[in-house]
Full PDB file with SEQRES, HELIX, SHEET, SSBOND, CRYST1, ORIGX, SCALE, CONECT and MASTER records, all heavy atoms in Angstrom:
SEQRES   1 A   45  LEU ASP GLU VAL LYS GLU ALA LEU HIS GLU ALA GLY LEU          
SEQRES   2 A   45  GLN GLY LEU THR VAL THR GLU VAL LYS GLY PHE GLY HIS          
SEQRES   3 A   45  GLN LYS GLY HIS THR GLU LEU TYR ARG GLY ALA GLU TYR          
SEQRES   4 A   45  VAL VAL ASP LEU LEU PRO                                      
HELIX    1 AA1 ASP A    2  GLU A   10  1                                   9    
SHEET    1 AA1 2 HIS A  30  TYR A  34  0                                        
SHEET    2 AA1 2 ALA A  37  VAL A  41 -1                                        
CRYST1    1.000    1.000    1.000  90.00  90.00  90.00 P 1           1          
ORIGX1      1.000000  0.000000  0.000000        0.00000                         
ORIGX2      0.000000  1.000000  0.000000        0.00000                         
ORIGX3      0.000000  0.000000  1.000000        0.00000                         
SCALE1      1.000000  0.000000  0.000000        0.00000                         
SCALE2      0.000000  1.000000  0.000000        0.00000                         
SCALE3      0.000000  0.000000  1.000000        0.00000                         
ATOM      1  N   LEU A   1      85.549 150.651  75.272  1.00  0.00           N  
ATOM      2  CA  LEU A   1      86.755 149.838  75.449  1.00  0.00           C  
ATOM      3  C   LEU A   1      86.886 149.204  76.859  1.00  0.00           C  
ATOM      4  O   LEU A   1      87.150 148.066  76.992  1.00  0.00           O  
ATOM      5  CB  LEU A   1      87.973 150.603  75.167  1.00  0.00           C  
ATOM      6  CG  LEU A   1      89.365 149.926  75.404  1.00  0.00           C  
ATOM      7  CD1 LEU A   1      89.444 148.743  74.527  1.00  0.00           C  
ATOM      8  CD2 LEU A   1      90.512 150.869  75.052  1.00  0.00           C  
ATOM      9  N   ASP A   2      86.731 150.030  77.916  1.00  0.00           N  
ATOM     10  CA  ASP A   2      86.862 149.463  79.248  1.00  0.00           C  
ATOM     11  C   ASP A   2      85.827 148.424  79.618  1.00  0.00           C  
ATOM     12  O   ASP A   2      86.186 147.440  80.222  1.00  0.00           O  
ATOM     13  CB  ASP A   2      86.690 150.672  80.298  1.00  0.00           C  
ATOM     14  CG  ASP A   2      87.928 151.599  80.294  1.00  0.00           C  
ATOM     15  OD1 ASP A   2      88.965 151.162  79.876  1.00  0.00           O  
ATOM     16  OD2 ASP A   2      87.784 152.776  80.641  1.00  0.00           O  
ATOM     17  N   GLU A   3      84.652 148.505  79.030  1.00  0.00           N  
ATOM     18  CA  GLU A   3      83.535 147.548  79.283  1.00  0.00           C  
ATOM     19  C   GLU A   3      83.940 146.206  78.549  1.00  0.00           C  
ATOM     20  O   GLU A   3      83.751 145.161  79.117  1.00  0.00           O  
ATOM     21  CB  GLU A   3      82.265 148.095  78.821  1.00  0.00           C  
ATOM     22  CG  GLU A   3      81.619 149.104  79.660  1.00  0.00           C  
ATOM     23  CD  GLU A   3      80.333 149.617  79.051  1.00  0.00           C  
ATOM     24  OE1 GLU A   3      79.412 148.821  78.731  1.00  0.00           O  
ATOM     25  OE2 GLU A   3      80.132 150.880  78.905  1.00  0.00           O  
ATOM     26  N   VAL A   4      84.528 146.372  77.364  1.00  0.00           N  
ATOM     27  CA  VAL A   4      84.874 145.152  76.589  1.00  0.00           C  
ATOM     28  C   VAL A   4      86.078 144.561  77.330  1.00  0.00           C  
ATOM     29  O   VAL A   4      86.111 143.275  77.472  1.00  0.00           O  
ATOM     30  CB  VAL A   4      85.235 145.514  75.226  1.00  0.00           C  
ATOM     31  CG1 VAL A   4      85.841 144.309  74.454  1.00  0.00           C  
ATOM     32  CG2 VAL A   4      83.946 145.973  74.437  1.00  0.00           C  
ATOM     33  N   LYS A   5      87.075 145.242  77.717  1.00  0.00           N  
ATOM     34  CA  LYS A   5      88.231 144.650  78.424  1.00  0.00           C  
ATOM     35  C   LYS A   5      87.721 143.890  79.700  1.00  0.00           C  
ATOM     36  O   LYS A   5      88.227 142.801  79.935  1.00  0.00           O  
ATOM     37  CB  LYS A   5      89.282 145.758  78.830  1.00  0.00           C  
ATOM     38  CG  LYS A   5      90.046 146.219  77.697  1.00  0.00           C  
ATOM     39  CD  LYS A   5      91.246 147.142  78.064  1.00  0.00           C  
ATOM     40  CE  LYS A   5      91.030 147.994  79.269  1.00  0.00           C  
ATOM     41  NZ  LYS A   5      92.059 148.944  79.547  1.00  0.00           N  
ATOM     42  N   GLU A   6      86.938 144.543  80.428  1.00  0.00           N  
ATOM     43  CA  GLU A   6      86.395 143.878  81.683  1.00  0.00           C  
ATOM     44  C   GLU A   6      85.591 142.644  81.336  1.00  0.00           C  
ATOM     45  O   GLU A   6      85.734 141.617  82.055  1.00  0.00           O  
ATOM     46  CB  GLU A   6      85.584 144.921  82.406  1.00  0.00           C  
ATOM     47  CG  GLU A   6      84.964 144.324  83.756  1.00  0.00           C  
ATOM     48  CD  GLU A   6      86.113 143.959  84.792  1.00  0.00           C  
ATOM     49  OE1 GLU A   6      87.159 144.664  84.738  1.00  0.00           O  
ATOM     50  OE2 GLU A   6      85.884 143.062  85.536  1.00  0.00           O  
ATOM     51  N   ALA A   7      84.802 142.631  80.340  1.00  0.00           N  
ATOM     52  CA  ALA A   7      84.012 141.481  79.910  1.00  0.00           C  
ATOM     53  C   ALA A   7      84.897 140.337  79.453  1.00  0.00           C  
ATOM     54  O   ALA A   7      84.632 139.219  79.822  1.00  0.00           O  
ATOM     55  CB  ALA A   7      83.030 141.858  78.847  1.00  0.00           C  
ATOM     56  N   LEU A   8      85.955 140.633  78.763  1.00  0.00           N  
ATOM     57  CA  LEU A   8      86.838 139.622  78.329  1.00  0.00           C  
ATOM     58  C   LEU A   8      87.638 139.061  79.473  1.00  0.00           C  
ATOM     59  O   LEU A   8      87.809 137.853  79.586  1.00  0.00           O  
ATOM     60  CB  LEU A   8      87.843 140.149  77.322  1.00  0.00           C  
ATOM     61  CG  LEU A   8      87.314 140.413  75.913  1.00  0.00           C  
ATOM     62  CD1 LEU A   8      88.353 141.253  75.136  1.00  0.00           C  
ATOM     63  CD2 LEU A   8      86.935 139.124  75.228  1.00  0.00           C  
ATOM     64  N   HIS A   9      88.030 139.905  80.480  1.00  0.00           N  
ATOM     65  CA  HIS A   9      88.692 139.379  81.649  1.00  0.00           C  
ATOM     66  C   HIS A   9      87.769 138.502  82.480  1.00  0.00           C  
ATOM     67  O   HIS A   9      88.144 137.462  82.951  1.00  0.00           O  
ATOM     68  CB  HIS A   9      89.191 140.663  82.464  1.00  0.00           C  
ATOM     69  CG  HIS A   9      89.821 140.266  83.816  1.00  0.00           C  
ATOM     70  ND1 HIS A   9      91.104 139.639  83.882  1.00  0.00           N  
ATOM     71  CD2 HIS A   9      89.334 140.257  85.072  1.00  0.00           C  
ATOM     72  CE1 HIS A   9      91.377 139.359  85.122  1.00  0.00           C  
ATOM     73  NE2 HIS A   9      90.456 139.800  85.808  1.00  0.00           N  
ATOM     74  N   GLU A  10      86.514 138.841  82.578  1.00  0.00           N  
ATOM     75  CA  GLU A  10      85.468 137.994  83.425  1.00  0.00           C  
ATOM     76  C   GLU A  10      85.237 136.769  82.642  1.00  0.00           C  
ATOM     77  O   GLU A  10      84.936 135.731  83.318  1.00  0.00           O  
ATOM     78  CB  GLU A  10      84.234 138.841  83.607  1.00  0.00           C  
ATOM     79  CG  GLU A  10      84.354 139.919  84.604  1.00  0.00           C  
ATOM     80  CD  GLU A  10      83.108 140.752  84.680  1.00  0.00           C  
ATOM     81  OE1 GLU A  10      82.057 140.414  84.092  1.00  0.00           O  
ATOM     82  OE2 GLU A  10      83.104 141.736  85.466  1.00  0.00           O  
ATOM     83  N   ALA A  11      85.428 136.699  81.370  1.00  0.00           N  
ATOM     84  CA  ALA A  11      85.178 135.464  80.527  1.00  0.00           C  
ATOM     85  C   ALA A  11      86.410 134.509  80.569  1.00  0.00           C  
ATOM     86  O   ALA A  11      86.372 133.514  79.931  1.00  0.00           O  
ATOM     87  CB  ALA A  11      84.777 135.852  79.124  1.00  0.00           C  
ATOM     88  N   GLY A  12      87.488 134.983  81.242  1.00  0.00           N  
ATOM     89  CA  GLY A  12      88.606 134.181  81.392  1.00  0.00           C  
ATOM     90  C   GLY A  12      89.686 134.352  80.376  1.00  0.00           C  
ATOM     91  O   GLY A  12      90.563 133.527  80.135  1.00  0.00           O  
ATOM     92  N   LEU A  13      89.507 135.393  79.515  1.00  0.00           N  
ATOM     93  CA  LEU A  13      90.511 135.665  78.364  1.00  0.00           C  
ATOM     94  C   LEU A  13      91.481 136.588  78.915  1.00  0.00           C  
ATOM     95  O   LEU A  13      91.177 137.595  79.473  1.00  0.00           O  
ATOM     96  CB  LEU A  13      89.723 136.092  77.192  1.00  0.00           C  
ATOM     97  CG  LEU A  13      88.867 134.963  76.574  1.00  0.00           C  
ATOM     98  CD1 LEU A  13      87.568 135.493  76.128  1.00  0.00           C  
ATOM     99  CD2 LEU A  13      89.465 134.226  75.571  1.00  0.00           C  
ATOM    100  N   GLN A  14      92.769 136.492  78.429  1.00  0.00           N  
ATOM    101  CA  GLN A  14      93.761 137.396  78.731  1.00  0.00           C  
ATOM    102  C   GLN A  14      94.704 137.694  77.505  1.00  0.00           C  
ATOM    103  O   GLN A  14      94.720 136.821  76.612  1.00  0.00           O  
ATOM    104  CB  GLN A  14      94.626 136.856  79.851  1.00  0.00           C  
ATOM    105  CG  GLN A  14      95.266 135.575  79.631  1.00  0.00           C  
ATOM    106  CD  GLN A  14      96.042 135.015  80.858  1.00  0.00           C  
ATOM    107  OE1 GLN A  14      96.187 135.698  81.815  1.00  0.00           O  
ATOM    108  NE2 GLN A  14      96.469 133.875  80.771  1.00  0.00           N  
ATOM    109  N   GLY A  15      95.270 138.803  77.502  1.00  0.00           N  
ATOM    110  CA  GLY A  15      96.121 139.194  76.430  1.00  0.00           C  
ATOM    111  C   GLY A  15      95.386 139.756  75.255  1.00  0.00           C  
ATOM    112  O   GLY A  15      94.620 138.969  74.614  1.00  0.00           O  
ATOM    113  N   LEU A  16      95.521 141.027  74.966  1.00  0.00           N  
ATOM    114  CA  LEU A  16      94.911 141.592  73.889  1.00  0.00           C  
ATOM    115  C   LEU A  16      95.663 142.804  73.370  1.00  0.00           C  
ATOM    116  O   LEU A  16      96.502 143.325  74.059  1.00  0.00           O  
ATOM    117  CB  LEU A  16      93.457 142.042  74.053  1.00  0.00           C  
ATOM    118  CG  LEU A  16      93.237 143.101  75.074  1.00  0.00           C  
ATOM    119  CD1 LEU A  16      92.429 144.204  74.433  1.00  0.00           C  
ATOM    120  CD2 LEU A  16      92.373 142.565  76.191  1.00  0.00           C  
ATOM    121  N   THR A  17      95.516 143.241  72.133  1.00  0.00           N  
ATOM    122  CA  THR A  17      96.117 144.360  71.600  1.00  0.00           C  
ATOM    123  C   THR A  17      95.052 145.341  71.204  1.00  0.00           C  
ATOM    124  O   THR A  17      94.048 145.028  70.644  1.00  0.00           O  
ATOM    125  CB  THR A  17      96.984 144.031  70.266  1.00  0.00           C  
ATOM    126  OG1 THR A  17      97.955 143.027  70.660  1.00  0.00           O  
ATOM    127  CG2 THR A  17      97.664 145.219  69.727  1.00  0.00           C  
ATOM    128  N   VAL A  18      95.225 146.645  71.493  1.00  0.00           N  
ATOM    129  CA  VAL A  18      94.319 147.658  71.268  1.00  0.00           C  
ATOM    130  C   VAL A  18      94.986 148.792  70.362  1.00  0.00           C  
ATOM    131  O   VAL A  18      96.121 149.216  70.679  1.00  0.00           O  
ATOM    132  CB  VAL A  18      93.803 148.357  72.600  1.00  0.00           C  
ATOM    133  CG1 VAL A  18      92.869 149.515  72.308  1.00  0.00           C  
ATOM    134  CG2 VAL A  18      93.083 147.295  73.499  1.00  0.00           C  
ATOM    135  N   THR A  19      94.285 149.109  69.345  1.00  0.00           N  
ATOM    136  CA  THR A  19      94.793 150.180  68.413  1.00  0.00           C  
ATOM    137  C   THR A  19      93.713 151.183  68.069  1.00  0.00           C  
ATOM    138  O   THR A  19      92.539 150.866  67.965  1.00  0.00           O  
ATOM    139  CB  THR A  19      95.201 149.503  67.012  1.00  0.00           C  
ATOM    140  OG1 THR A  19      96.034 148.339  67.196  1.00  0.00           O  
ATOM    141  CG2 THR A  19      95.912 150.473  66.171  1.00  0.00           C  
ATOM    142  N   GLU A  20      94.146 152.460  68.223  1.00  0.00           N  
ATOM    143  CA  GLU A  20      93.239 153.549  67.829  1.00  0.00           C  
ATOM    144  C   GLU A  20      93.168 153.618  66.341  1.00  0.00           C  
ATOM    145  O   GLU A  20      94.258 153.814  65.713  1.00  0.00           O  
ATOM    146  CB  GLU A  20      93.562 154.859  68.456  1.00  0.00           C  
ATOM    147  CG  GLU A  20      93.421 154.869  69.982  1.00  0.00           C  
ATOM    148  CD  GLU A  20      93.826 156.151  70.597  1.00  0.00           C  
ATOM    149  OE1 GLU A  20      94.068 157.227  69.888  1.00  0.00           O  
ATOM    150  OE2 GLU A  20      93.995 156.290  71.800  1.00  0.00           O  
ATOM    151  N   VAL A  21      91.952 153.543  65.710  1.00  0.00           N  
ATOM    152  CA  VAL A  21      91.863 153.630  64.276  1.00  0.00           C  
ATOM    153  C   VAL A  21      90.760 154.532  63.861  1.00  0.00           C  
ATOM    154  O   VAL A  21      89.974 154.981  64.780  1.00  0.00           O  
ATOM    155  CB  VAL A  21      91.517 152.179  63.736  1.00  0.00           C  
ATOM    156  CG1 VAL A  21      92.718 151.181  64.038  1.00  0.00           C  
ATOM    157  CG2 VAL A  21      90.247 151.591  64.293  1.00  0.00           C  
ATOM    158  N   LYS A  22      90.571 154.819  62.589  1.00  0.00           N  
ATOM    159  CA  LYS A  22      89.502 155.602  62.111  1.00  0.00           C  
ATOM    160  C   LYS A  22      88.921 154.887  60.932  1.00  0.00           C  
ATOM    161  O   LYS A  22      89.577 154.137  60.187  1.00  0.00           O  
ATOM    162  CB  LYS A  22      90.028 157.057  61.583  1.00  0.00           C  
ATOM    163  CG  LYS A  22      90.569 157.915  62.787  1.00  0.00           C  
ATOM    164  CD  LYS A  22      90.916 159.215  62.213  1.00  0.00           C  
ATOM    165  CE  LYS A  22      91.398 160.071  63.452  1.00  0.00           C  
ATOM    166  NZ  LYS A  22      91.335 161.441  63.117  1.00  0.00           N  
ATOM    167  N   GLY A  23      87.610 155.115  60.797  1.00  0.00           N  
ATOM    168  CA  GLY A  23      86.973 154.429  59.667  1.00  0.00           C  
ATOM    169  C   GLY A  23      85.509 154.753  59.617  1.00  0.00           C  
ATOM    170  O   GLY A  23      84.978 155.563  60.370  1.00  0.00           O  
ATOM    171  N   PHE A  24      84.874 154.086  58.672  1.00  0.00           N  
ATOM    172  CA  PHE A  24      83.343 154.316  58.547  1.00  0.00           C  
ATOM    173  C   PHE A  24      82.819 153.093  58.023  1.00  0.00           C  
ATOM    174  O   PHE A  24      83.408 152.284  57.291  1.00  0.00           O  
ATOM    175  CB  PHE A  24      82.924 155.538  57.762  1.00  0.00           C  
ATOM    176  CG  PHE A  24      83.276 155.456  56.234  1.00  0.00           C  
ATOM    177  CD1 PHE A  24      82.325 154.884  55.431  1.00  0.00           C  
ATOM    178  CD2 PHE A  24      84.455 155.845  55.749  1.00  0.00           C  
ATOM    179  CE1 PHE A  24      82.582 154.781  54.022  1.00  0.00           C  
ATOM    180  CE2 PHE A  24      84.801 155.726  54.424  1.00  0.00           C  
ATOM    181  CZ  PHE A  24      83.831 155.175  53.534  1.00  0.00           C  
ATOM    182  N   GLY A  25      81.445 152.862  58.360  1.00  0.00           N  
ATOM    183  CA  GLY A  25      80.717 151.765  57.844  1.00  0.00           C  
ATOM    184  C   GLY A  25      79.460 152.341  57.147  1.00  0.00           C  
ATOM    185  O   GLY A  25      79.454 153.252  56.320  1.00  0.00           O  
ATOM    186  N   HIS A  26      78.317 151.794  57.647  1.00  0.00           N  
ATOM    187  CA  HIS A  26      76.993 152.242  57.093  1.00  0.00           C  
ATOM    188  C   HIS A  26      76.778 153.737  57.453  1.00  0.00           C  
ATOM    189  O   HIS A  26      75.998 154.322  56.685  1.00  0.00           O  
ATOM    190  CB  HIS A  26      75.931 151.301  57.643  1.00  0.00           C  
ATOM    191  CG  HIS A  26      75.911 149.979  57.025  1.00  0.00           C  
ATOM    192  ND1 HIS A  26      75.512 149.690  55.742  1.00  0.00           N  
ATOM    193  CD2 HIS A  26      76.276 148.767  57.515  1.00  0.00           C  
ATOM    194  CE1 HIS A  26      75.740 148.436  55.440  1.00  0.00           C  
ATOM    195  NE2 HIS A  26      76.113 147.811  56.544  1.00  0.00           N  
ATOM    196  N   GLN A  27      77.299 154.212  58.551  1.00  0.00           N  
ATOM    197  CA  GLN A  27      76.949 155.558  58.897  1.00  0.00           C  
ATOM    198  C   GLN A  27      77.681 156.640  58.106  1.00  0.00           C  
ATOM    199  O   GLN A  27      77.197 157.693  57.944  1.00  0.00           O  
ATOM    200  CB  GLN A  27      77.242 155.807  60.421  1.00  0.00           C  
ATOM    201  CG  GLN A  27      78.786 156.068  60.711  1.00  0.00           C  
ATOM    202  CD  GLN A  27      79.352 154.982  61.534  1.00  0.00           C  
ATOM    203  OE1 GLN A  27      79.236 153.741  61.246  1.00  0.00           O  
ATOM    204  NE2 GLN A  27      79.973 155.344  62.631  1.00  0.00           N  
ATOM    205  N   LYS A  28      78.728 156.291  57.446  1.00  0.00           N  
ATOM    206  CA  LYS A  28      79.405 157.155  56.472  1.00  0.00           C  
ATOM    207  C   LYS A  28      79.810 158.544  57.034  1.00  0.00           C  
ATOM    208  O   LYS A  28      79.798 159.497  56.237  1.00  0.00           O  
ATOM    209  CB  LYS A  28      78.595 157.272  55.226  1.00  0.00           C  
ATOM    210  CG  LYS A  28      78.378 155.996  54.413  1.00  0.00           C  
ATOM    211  CD  LYS A  28      77.604 156.175  53.209  1.00  0.00           C  
ATOM    212  CE  LYS A  28      77.471 154.940  52.446  1.00  0.00           C  
ATOM    213  NZ  LYS A  28      76.536 154.004  52.944  1.00  0.00           N  
ATOM    214  N   GLY A  29      80.102 158.570  58.250  1.00  0.00           N  
ATOM    215  CA  GLY A  29      80.502 159.814  58.896  1.00  0.00           C  
ATOM    216  C   GLY A  29      79.266 160.749  59.224  1.00  0.00           C  
ATOM    217  O   GLY A  29      78.155 160.340  59.204  1.00  0.00           O  
ATOM    218  N   HIS A  30      79.635 161.984  59.482  1.00  0.00           N  
ATOM    219  CA  HIS A  30      78.639 162.956  59.839  1.00  0.00           C  
ATOM    220  C   HIS A  30      79.101 164.415  59.579  1.00  0.00           C  
ATOM    221  O   HIS A  30      80.321 164.622  59.300  1.00  0.00           O  
ATOM    222  CB  HIS A  30      78.193 162.823  61.296  1.00  0.00           C  
ATOM    223  CG  HIS A  30      79.270 163.057  62.250  1.00  0.00           C  
ATOM    224  ND1 HIS A  30      80.116 162.053  62.547  1.00  0.00           N  
ATOM    225  CD2 HIS A  30      79.695 164.223  62.960  1.00  0.00           C  
ATOM    226  CE1 HIS A  30      81.046 162.626  63.484  1.00  0.00           C  
ATOM    227  NE2 HIS A  30      80.758 163.904  63.651  1.00  0.00           N  
ATOM    228  N   THR A  31      78.154 165.356  59.615  1.00  0.00           N  
ATOM    229  CA  THR A  31      78.484 166.797  59.360  1.00  0.00           C  
ATOM    230  C   THR A  31      78.632 167.441  60.610  1.00  0.00           C  
ATOM    231  O   THR A  31      77.777 167.296  61.645  1.00  0.00           O  
ATOM    232  CB  THR A  31      77.339 167.409  58.452  1.00  0.00           C  
ATOM    233  OG1 THR A  31      77.290 166.645  57.279  1.00  0.00           O  
ATOM    234  CG2 THR A  31      77.767 168.788  58.077  1.00  0.00           C  
ATOM    235  N   GLU A  32      79.641 168.396  60.851  1.00  0.00           N  
ATOM    236  CA  GLU A  32      79.725 169.119  61.989  1.00  0.00           C  
ATOM    237  C   GLU A  32      79.881 170.560  61.597  1.00  0.00           C  
ATOM    238  O   GLU A  32      80.247 170.970  60.482  1.00  0.00           O  
ATOM    239  CB  GLU A  32      81.049 168.718  62.802  1.00  0.00           C  
ATOM    240  CG  GLU A  32      80.906 167.368  63.478  1.00  0.00           C  
ATOM    241  CD  GLU A  32      82.023 167.088  64.449  1.00  0.00           C  
ATOM    242  OE1 GLU A  32      82.862 167.913  64.557  1.00  0.00           O  
ATOM    243  OE2 GLU A  32      82.028 165.944  64.910  1.00  0.00           O  
ATOM    244  N   LEU A  33      79.678 171.430  62.562  1.00  0.00           N  
ATOM    245  CA  LEU A  33      79.771 172.920  62.450  1.00  0.00           C  
ATOM    246  C   LEU A  33      80.990 173.439  63.271  1.00  0.00           C  
ATOM    247  O   LEU A  33      81.002 173.171  64.396  1.00  0.00           O  
ATOM    248  CB  LEU A  33      78.461 173.570  62.891  1.00  0.00           C  
ATOM    249  CG  LEU A  33      78.174 175.038  62.467  1.00  0.00           C  
ATOM    250  CD1 LEU A  33      78.182 175.102  60.845  1.00  0.00           C  
ATOM    251  CD2 LEU A  33      76.922 175.502  63.026  1.00  0.00           C  
ATOM    252  N   TYR A  34      81.880 174.080  62.585  1.00  0.00           N  
ATOM    253  CA  TYR A  34      83.026 174.720  63.302  1.00  0.00           C  
ATOM    254  C   TYR A  34      83.262 176.074  62.856  1.00  0.00           C  
ATOM    255  O   TYR A  34      83.487 176.420  61.693  1.00  0.00           O  
ATOM    256  CB  TYR A  34      84.306 173.875  63.076  1.00  0.00           C  
ATOM    257  CG  TYR A  34      85.537 174.305  63.680  1.00  0.00           C  
ATOM    258  CD1 TYR A  34      85.668 174.189  65.069  1.00  0.00           C  
ATOM    259  CD2 TYR A  34      86.577 174.960  63.020  1.00  0.00           C  
ATOM    260  CE1 TYR A  34      86.807 174.666  65.703  1.00  0.00           C  
ATOM    261  CE2 TYR A  34      87.739 175.484  63.637  1.00  0.00           C  
ATOM    262  CZ  TYR A  34      87.847 175.261  64.974  1.00  0.00           C  
ATOM    263  OH  TYR A  34      88.924 175.786  65.612  1.00  0.00           O  
ATOM    264  N   ARG A  35      83.063 176.992  63.798  1.00  0.00           N  
ATOM    265  CA  ARG A  35      83.315 178.460  63.603  1.00  0.00           C  
ATOM    266  C   ARG A  35      82.400 178.860  62.390  1.00  0.00           C  
ATOM    267  O   ARG A  35      82.870 179.672  61.483  1.00  0.00           O  
ATOM    268  CB  ARG A  35      84.642 178.876  63.376  1.00  0.00           C  
ATOM    269  CG  ARG A  35      85.563 178.578  64.562  1.00  0.00           C  
ATOM    270  CD  ARG A  35      86.912 179.194  64.401  1.00  0.00           C  
ATOM    271  NE  ARG A  35      87.664 179.027  65.582  1.00  0.00           N  
ATOM    272  CZ  ARG A  35      88.888 179.537  65.818  1.00  0.00           C  
ATOM    273  NH1 ARG A  35      89.409 180.250  64.906  1.00  0.00           N  
ATOM    274  NH2 ARG A  35      89.531 179.318  67.013  1.00  0.00           N  
ATOM    275  N   GLY A  36      81.201 178.445  62.385  1.00  0.00           N  
ATOM    276  CA  GLY A  36      80.246 178.818  61.340  1.00  0.00           C  
ATOM    277  C   GLY A  36      80.364 178.103  60.027  1.00  0.00           C  
ATOM    278  O   GLY A  36      79.576 178.260  59.093  1.00  0.00           O  
ATOM    279  N   ALA A  37      81.357 177.289  59.900  1.00  0.00           N  
ATOM    280  CA  ALA A  37      81.643 176.577  58.644  1.00  0.00           C  
ATOM    281  C   ALA A  37      81.225 175.077  58.874  1.00  0.00           C  
ATOM    282  O   ALA A  37      81.578 174.478  59.835  1.00  0.00           O  
ATOM    283  CB  ALA A  37      82.990 176.652  58.128  1.00  0.00           C  
ATOM    284  N   GLU A  38      80.527 174.552  57.942  1.00  0.00           N  
ATOM    285  CA  GLU A  38      80.063 173.129  58.020  1.00  0.00           C  
ATOM    286  C   GLU A  38      81.094 172.280  57.276  1.00  0.00           C  
ATOM    287  O   GLU A  38      81.532 172.569  56.123  1.00  0.00           O  
ATOM    288  CB  GLU A  38      78.748 173.010  57.337  1.00  0.00           C  
ATOM    289  CG  GLU A  38      77.944 171.703  57.622  1.00  0.00           C  
ATOM    290  CD  GLU A  38      76.544 171.695  57.114  1.00  0.00           C  
ATOM    291  OE1 GLU A  38      75.725 172.237  57.748  1.00  0.00           O  
ATOM    292  OE2 GLU A  38      76.379 171.204  55.982  1.00  0.00           O  
ATOM    293  N   TYR A  39      81.473 171.139  57.860  1.00  0.00           N  
ATOM    294  CA  TYR A  39      82.407 170.188  57.251  1.00  0.00           C  
ATOM    295  C   TYR A  39      81.965 168.814  57.542  1.00  0.00           C  
ATOM    296  O   TYR A  39      81.343 168.488  58.519  1.00  0.00           O  
ATOM    297  CB  TYR A  39      83.893 170.587  57.649  1.00  0.00           C  
ATOM    298  CG  TYR A  39      84.132 170.254  59.073  1.00  0.00           C  
ATOM    299  CD1 TYR A  39      84.842 169.064  59.503  1.00  0.00           C  
ATOM    300  CD2 TYR A  39      83.816 171.206  60.048  1.00  0.00           C  
ATOM    301  CE1 TYR A  39      85.091 168.836  60.780  1.00  0.00           C  
ATOM    302  CE2 TYR A  39      84.165 170.946  61.405  1.00  0.00           C  
ATOM    303  CZ  TYR A  39      84.731 169.797  61.709  1.00  0.00           C  
ATOM    304  OH  TYR A  39      85.034 169.536  63.051  1.00  0.00           O  
ATOM    305  N   VAL A  40      82.486 167.888  56.692  1.00  0.00           N  
ATOM    306  CA  VAL A  40      82.141 166.502  56.802  1.00  0.00           C  
ATOM    307  C   VAL A  40      83.276 165.763  57.526  1.00  0.00           C  
ATOM    308  O   VAL A  40      84.411 165.881  57.186  1.00  0.00           O  
ATOM    309  CB  VAL A  40      81.892 165.876  55.429  1.00  0.00           C  
ATOM    310  CG1 VAL A  40      81.594 164.326  55.608  1.00  0.00           C  
ATOM    311  CG2 VAL A  40      80.646 166.591  54.758  1.00  0.00           C  
ATOM    312  N   VAL A  41      82.823 165.046  58.608  1.00  0.00           N  
ATOM    313  CA  VAL A  41      83.786 164.117  59.196  1.00  0.00           C  
ATOM    314  C   VAL A  41      83.406 162.683  58.715  1.00  0.00           C  
ATOM    315  O   VAL A  41      82.477 162.119  59.088  1.00  0.00           O  
ATOM    316  CB  VAL A  41      83.642 164.120  60.757  1.00  0.00           C  
ATOM    317  CG1 VAL A  41      84.544 163.167  61.430  1.00  0.00           C  
ATOM    318  CG2 VAL A  41      83.879 165.506  61.229  1.00  0.00           C  
ATOM    319  N   ASP A  42      84.210 162.181  57.695  1.00  0.00           N  
ATOM    320  CA  ASP A  42      83.887 160.940  57.098  1.00  0.00           C  
ATOM    321  C   ASP A  42      84.736 159.746  57.649  1.00  0.00           C  
ATOM    322  O   ASP A  42      84.411 158.570  57.353  1.00  0.00           O  
ATOM    323  CB  ASP A  42      84.113 160.996  55.555  1.00  0.00           C  
ATOM    324  CG  ASP A  42      85.462 161.434  55.090  1.00  0.00           C  
ATOM    325  OD1 ASP A  42      86.280 161.737  55.971  1.00  0.00           O  
ATOM    326  OD2 ASP A  42      85.606 161.459  53.886  1.00  0.00           O  
ATOM    327  N   LEU A  43      85.759 159.931  58.527  1.00  0.00           N  
ATOM    328  CA  LEU A  43      86.460 158.907  59.184  1.00  0.00           C  
ATOM    329  C   LEU A  43      86.231 159.105  60.595  1.00  0.00           C  
ATOM    330  O   LEU A  43      86.749 160.096  61.241  1.00  0.00           O  
ATOM    331  CB  LEU A  43      87.941 158.993  58.815  1.00  0.00           C  
ATOM    332  CG  LEU A  43      88.257 158.594  57.358  1.00  0.00           C  
ATOM    333  CD1 LEU A  43      89.740 158.767  57.082  1.00  0.00           C  
ATOM    334  CD2 LEU A  43      87.787 157.192  57.069  1.00  0.00           C  
ATOM    335  N   LEU A  44      85.478 158.256  61.297  1.00  0.00           N  
ATOM    336  CA  LEU A  44      85.179 158.367  62.655  1.00  0.00           C  
ATOM    337  C   LEU A  44      86.145 157.537  63.527  1.00  0.00           C  
ATOM    338  O   LEU A  44      86.649 156.463  63.124  1.00  0.00           O  
ATOM    339  CB  LEU A  44      83.779 157.775  62.945  1.00  0.00           C  
ATOM    340  CG  LEU A  44      82.700 158.454  62.090  1.00  0.00           C  
ATOM    341  CD1 LEU A  44      81.347 157.718  62.241  1.00  0.00           C  
ATOM    342  CD2 LEU A  44      82.517 159.910  62.542  1.00  0.00           C  
ATOM    343  N   PRO A  45      86.473 158.086  64.685  1.00  0.00           N  
ATOM    344  CA  PRO A  45      87.404 157.365  65.667  1.00  0.00           C  
ATOM    345  C   PRO A  45      86.736 156.060  66.117  1.00  0.00           C  
ATOM    346  O   PRO A  45      85.580 156.031  66.514  1.00  0.00           O  
ATOM    347  CB  PRO A  45      87.611 158.372  66.816  1.00  0.00           C  
ATOM    348  CG  PRO A  45      86.482 159.296  66.710  1.00  0.00           C  
ATOM    349  CD  PRO A  45      86.020 159.393  65.258  1.00  0.00           C  
TER     350      PRO A  45                                                      
MASTER        0    0    0    1    2    0    0    6  349    1    0    4          
END                                                                             
C-alpha cells in the first residue's frame, strides 16, 4: 500500500480511497497450522 500511494503521488495523482478487504483469486487461500490443528484460510487479506 505505501509503495502504491507514493507511486501515485509521484505520478501526479491525488485523492484515493483505501479499504481493507478479504478475498481470493487463483491462489484459493492456503493451509495453516494452529496449536497442532490444520485449518484452511480461504479468504486472504
